[in-house]
N, C-alpha and C. Protein backbone atom coordinates (compact mmCIF):
# COMPACT_ATOMS: atom_id res chain seq x y z
N MET A 1 0.85 -1.19 0.00
CA MET A 1 0.00 0.00 0.00
C MET A 1 0.89 1.24 0.00
N SER A 2 0.55 2.20 -0.84
CA SER A 2 1.33 3.43 -0.93
C SER A 2 1.05 4.33 0.25
N GLU A 3 2.08 5.03 0.69
CA GLU A 3 1.93 6.03 1.74
C GLU A 3 1.14 7.20 1.18
N SER A 4 0.14 7.67 1.88
CA SER A 4 -0.71 8.75 1.36
C SER A 4 -0.37 10.09 1.99
N ARG A 5 0.72 10.18 2.67
CA ARG A 5 1.11 11.42 3.31
C ARG A 5 1.88 12.30 2.32
N LEU A 6 1.60 13.59 2.37
CA LEU A 6 2.29 14.55 1.53
C LEU A 6 3.60 14.95 2.20
N SER A 7 4.68 14.91 1.42
CA SER A 7 5.97 15.41 1.89
C SER A 7 6.37 16.56 0.99
N VAL A 8 6.90 17.62 1.60
CA VAL A 8 7.27 18.82 0.85
C VAL A 8 8.71 19.17 1.19
N PHE A 9 9.50 19.38 0.14
CA PHE A 9 10.90 19.77 0.30
C PHE A 9 11.11 21.06 -0.47
N SER A 10 11.75 22.02 0.13
CA SER A 10 11.90 23.32 -0.49
C SER A 10 13.37 23.75 -0.55
N THR A 11 13.74 24.35 -1.68
CA THR A 11 15.04 25.00 -1.84
C THR A 11 14.78 26.36 -2.47
N ASP A 12 15.82 27.12 -2.70
CA ASP A 12 15.66 28.42 -3.36
C ASP A 12 15.22 28.27 -4.81
N GLU A 13 15.47 27.11 -5.39
CA GLU A 13 15.20 26.91 -6.81
C GLU A 13 13.95 26.09 -7.11
N SER A 14 13.44 25.35 -6.12
CA SER A 14 12.28 24.52 -6.40
C SER A 14 11.60 24.06 -5.11
N VAL A 15 10.39 23.60 -5.29
CA VAL A 15 9.64 22.94 -4.22
C VAL A 15 9.27 21.57 -4.78
N THR A 16 9.58 20.53 -4.03
CA THR A 16 9.28 19.18 -4.46
C THR A 16 8.18 18.60 -3.58
N LEU A 17 7.17 18.05 -4.24
CA LEU A 17 6.06 17.42 -3.54
C LEU A 17 6.15 15.93 -3.78
N SER A 18 6.03 15.16 -2.74
CA SER A 18 5.99 13.71 -2.85
C SER A 18 4.69 13.25 -2.23
N PHE A 19 3.88 12.57 -3.05
CA PHE A 19 2.58 12.09 -2.58
C PHE A 19 2.33 10.72 -3.18
N ARG A 20 2.14 9.75 -2.31
CA ARG A 20 2.01 8.35 -2.71
C ARG A 20 3.24 7.96 -3.51
N ASP A 21 3.07 7.47 -4.72
CA ASP A 21 4.23 7.04 -5.49
C ASP A 21 4.65 8.08 -6.53
N ARG A 22 4.18 9.29 -6.39
CA ARG A 22 4.47 10.34 -7.37
C ARG A 22 5.31 11.45 -6.77
N ILE A 23 6.09 12.09 -7.64
CA ILE A 23 6.91 13.25 -7.24
C ILE A 23 6.63 14.37 -8.23
N TYR A 24 6.42 15.56 -7.69
CA TYR A 24 6.13 16.74 -8.50
C TYR A 24 7.14 17.82 -8.13
N VAL A 25 7.75 18.42 -9.15
CA VAL A 25 8.73 19.48 -8.91
C VAL A 25 8.15 20.79 -9.41
N ILE A 26 8.15 21.77 -8.54
CA ILE A 26 7.69 23.12 -8.88
C ILE A 26 8.93 23.99 -8.94
N GLU A 27 9.34 24.33 -10.15
CA GLU A 27 10.56 25.11 -10.34
C GLU A 27 10.28 26.59 -10.15
N ARG A 28 11.34 27.34 -9.92
CA ARG A 28 11.23 28.79 -9.71
C ARG A 28 10.46 29.48 -10.82
N LYS A 29 10.60 29.01 -12.06
CA LYS A 29 9.92 29.65 -13.20
C LYS A 29 8.43 29.31 -13.27
N ASP A 30 8.00 28.33 -12.50
CA ASP A 30 6.60 27.91 -12.47
C ASP A 30 5.77 28.97 -11.76
N PRO A 31 4.61 29.36 -12.32
CA PRO A 31 3.76 30.36 -11.67
C PRO A 31 3.34 29.98 -10.25
N PHE A 32 3.27 28.70 -9.94
CA PHE A 32 2.84 28.25 -8.62
C PHE A 32 3.96 28.35 -7.58
N PHE A 33 5.20 28.59 -8.01
CA PHE A 33 6.34 28.61 -7.10
C PHE A 33 6.16 29.62 -5.97
N ASN A 34 5.77 30.85 -6.29
CA ASN A 34 5.59 31.87 -5.25
C ASN A 34 4.45 31.51 -4.29
N ILE A 35 3.40 30.93 -4.84
CA ILE A 35 2.30 30.49 -3.99
C ILE A 35 2.78 29.39 -3.06
N ALA A 36 3.57 28.47 -3.61
CA ALA A 36 4.10 27.37 -2.80
C ALA A 36 4.95 27.89 -1.65
N GLN A 37 5.79 28.87 -1.92
CA GLN A 37 6.61 29.45 -0.86
C GLN A 37 5.75 30.07 0.24
N LEU A 38 4.72 30.78 -0.16
CA LEU A 38 3.79 31.40 0.80
C LEU A 38 3.06 30.32 1.61
N CYS A 39 2.63 29.27 0.93
CA CYS A 39 1.94 28.17 1.62
C CYS A 39 2.85 27.53 2.67
N LEU A 40 4.11 27.37 2.34
CA LEU A 40 5.05 26.80 3.31
C LEU A 40 5.22 27.71 4.52
N GLU A 41 5.32 29.01 4.28
CA GLU A 41 5.43 29.96 5.40
C GLU A 41 4.23 29.86 6.32
N ARG A 42 3.06 29.70 5.73
CA ARG A 42 1.82 29.66 6.51
C ARG A 42 1.47 28.25 7.00
N ARG A 43 2.22 27.27 6.55
CA ARG A 43 1.96 25.86 6.86
C ARG A 43 0.55 25.45 6.41
N ASP A 44 0.18 25.95 5.23
CA ASP A 44 -1.11 25.65 4.61
C ASP A 44 -0.83 24.71 3.44
N PHE A 45 -1.16 23.43 3.59
CA PHE A 45 -0.80 22.44 2.59
C PHE A 45 -1.92 22.11 1.62
N ILE A 46 -3.10 22.64 1.84
CA ILE A 46 -4.23 22.35 0.93
C ILE A 46 -3.91 22.78 -0.50
N PRO A 47 -3.33 23.95 -0.75
CA PRO A 47 -3.02 24.31 -2.14
C PRO A 47 -2.09 23.31 -2.84
N PHE A 48 -1.25 22.61 -2.09
CA PHE A 48 -0.39 21.60 -2.71
C PHE A 48 -1.22 20.44 -3.25
N TYR A 49 -2.22 20.02 -2.49
CA TYR A 49 -3.10 18.95 -2.96
C TYR A 49 -3.87 19.40 -4.21
N VAL A 50 -4.30 20.65 -4.22
CA VAL A 50 -5.01 21.18 -5.38
C VAL A 50 -4.08 21.20 -6.59
N GLU A 51 -2.84 21.61 -6.40
CA GLU A 51 -1.87 21.64 -7.50
C GLU A 51 -1.59 20.22 -8.01
N ILE A 52 -1.48 19.26 -7.12
CA ILE A 52 -1.28 17.87 -7.53
C ILE A 52 -2.47 17.41 -8.37
N ALA A 53 -3.67 17.71 -7.92
CA ALA A 53 -4.88 17.32 -8.67
C ALA A 53 -4.87 17.96 -10.05
N LYS A 54 -4.49 19.21 -10.11
CA LYS A 54 -4.43 19.91 -11.40
C LYS A 54 -3.43 19.21 -12.33
N ARG A 55 -2.28 18.87 -11.82
CA ARG A 55 -1.26 18.21 -12.63
C ARG A 55 -1.68 16.80 -13.04
N GLU A 56 -2.55 16.19 -12.27
CA GLU A 56 -3.04 14.85 -12.59
C GLU A 56 -4.27 14.88 -13.49
N GLY A 57 -4.75 16.09 -13.80
CA GLY A 57 -5.92 16.20 -14.67
C GLY A 57 -7.24 15.99 -13.95
N LEU A 58 -7.20 16.05 -12.63
CA LEU A 58 -8.42 15.90 -11.84
C LEU A 58 -8.94 17.30 -11.53
N GLY A 59 -10.13 17.55 -11.83
CA GLY A 59 -10.65 18.89 -11.59
C GLY A 59 -11.76 18.90 -10.59
N PRO A 60 -12.97 19.01 -11.09
CA PRO A 60 -14.13 19.15 -10.20
C PRO A 60 -14.29 18.01 -9.20
N GLU A 61 -13.96 16.78 -9.61
CA GLU A 61 -14.12 15.65 -8.70
C GLU A 61 -13.23 15.82 -7.47
N PHE A 62 -11.99 16.21 -7.72
CA PHE A 62 -11.06 16.39 -6.62
C PHE A 62 -11.49 17.56 -5.74
N ARG A 63 -11.86 18.66 -6.36
CA ARG A 63 -12.32 19.84 -5.61
C ARG A 63 -13.49 19.48 -4.71
N ASP A 64 -14.47 18.77 -5.26
CA ASP A 64 -15.64 18.41 -4.48
C ASP A 64 -15.27 17.50 -3.31
N ARG A 65 -14.40 16.53 -3.57
CA ARG A 65 -13.97 15.61 -2.50
C ARG A 65 -13.18 16.35 -1.43
N LEU A 66 -12.34 17.28 -1.86
CA LEU A 66 -11.56 18.08 -0.92
C LEU A 66 -12.48 18.93 -0.05
N MET A 67 -13.49 19.54 -0.65
CA MET A 67 -14.41 20.37 0.12
C MET A 67 -15.22 19.52 1.10
N GLU A 68 -15.57 18.30 0.72
CA GLU A 68 -16.25 17.40 1.64
C GLU A 68 -15.37 17.09 2.85
N GLU A 69 -14.10 16.87 2.58
CA GLU A 69 -13.16 16.55 3.66
C GLU A 69 -12.98 17.76 4.58
N VAL A 70 -12.88 18.96 4.03
CA VAL A 70 -12.75 20.18 4.83
C VAL A 70 -13.98 20.33 5.72
N LYS A 71 -15.16 20.12 5.16
CA LYS A 71 -16.41 20.23 5.95
C LYS A 71 -16.41 19.20 7.08
N ARG A 72 -15.99 17.97 6.78
CA ARG A 72 -15.97 16.93 7.79
C ARG A 72 -15.04 17.31 8.94
N LEU A 73 -13.88 17.85 8.60
CA LEU A 73 -12.93 18.26 9.63
C LEU A 73 -13.46 19.43 10.45
N GLN A 74 -14.12 20.38 9.79
CA GLN A 74 -14.72 21.50 10.52
C GLN A 74 -15.80 21.00 11.48
N ASP A 75 -16.61 20.05 11.03
CA ASP A 75 -17.65 19.50 11.89
C ASP A 75 -17.05 18.81 13.11
N GLU A 76 -15.91 18.14 12.91
CA GLU A 76 -15.24 17.48 14.04
C GLU A 76 -14.74 18.50 15.07
N LEU A 77 -14.33 19.66 14.60
CA LEU A 77 -13.83 20.69 15.50
C LEU A 77 -14.96 21.38 16.27
N ASP A 78 -16.15 21.39 15.70
CA ASP A 78 -17.30 22.05 16.35
C ASP A 78 -17.92 21.23 17.42
């Protein structure tokens, strides 16, 4: 079974995302690079999952599932 945890590694030149058996590299020239840096500063990892879904060609299905998960977690906190 693949590990489903997201790992993020950052350098001045790139941000590398490792999720399950896939690796995604966000280079400095990539428009998402600045967003990734900001997300790391804020420790907000949800945009990384959205970027992975985008790169995998998953759109509305992933968004809907992600929003369901966010709602479930919010309900647990309430």
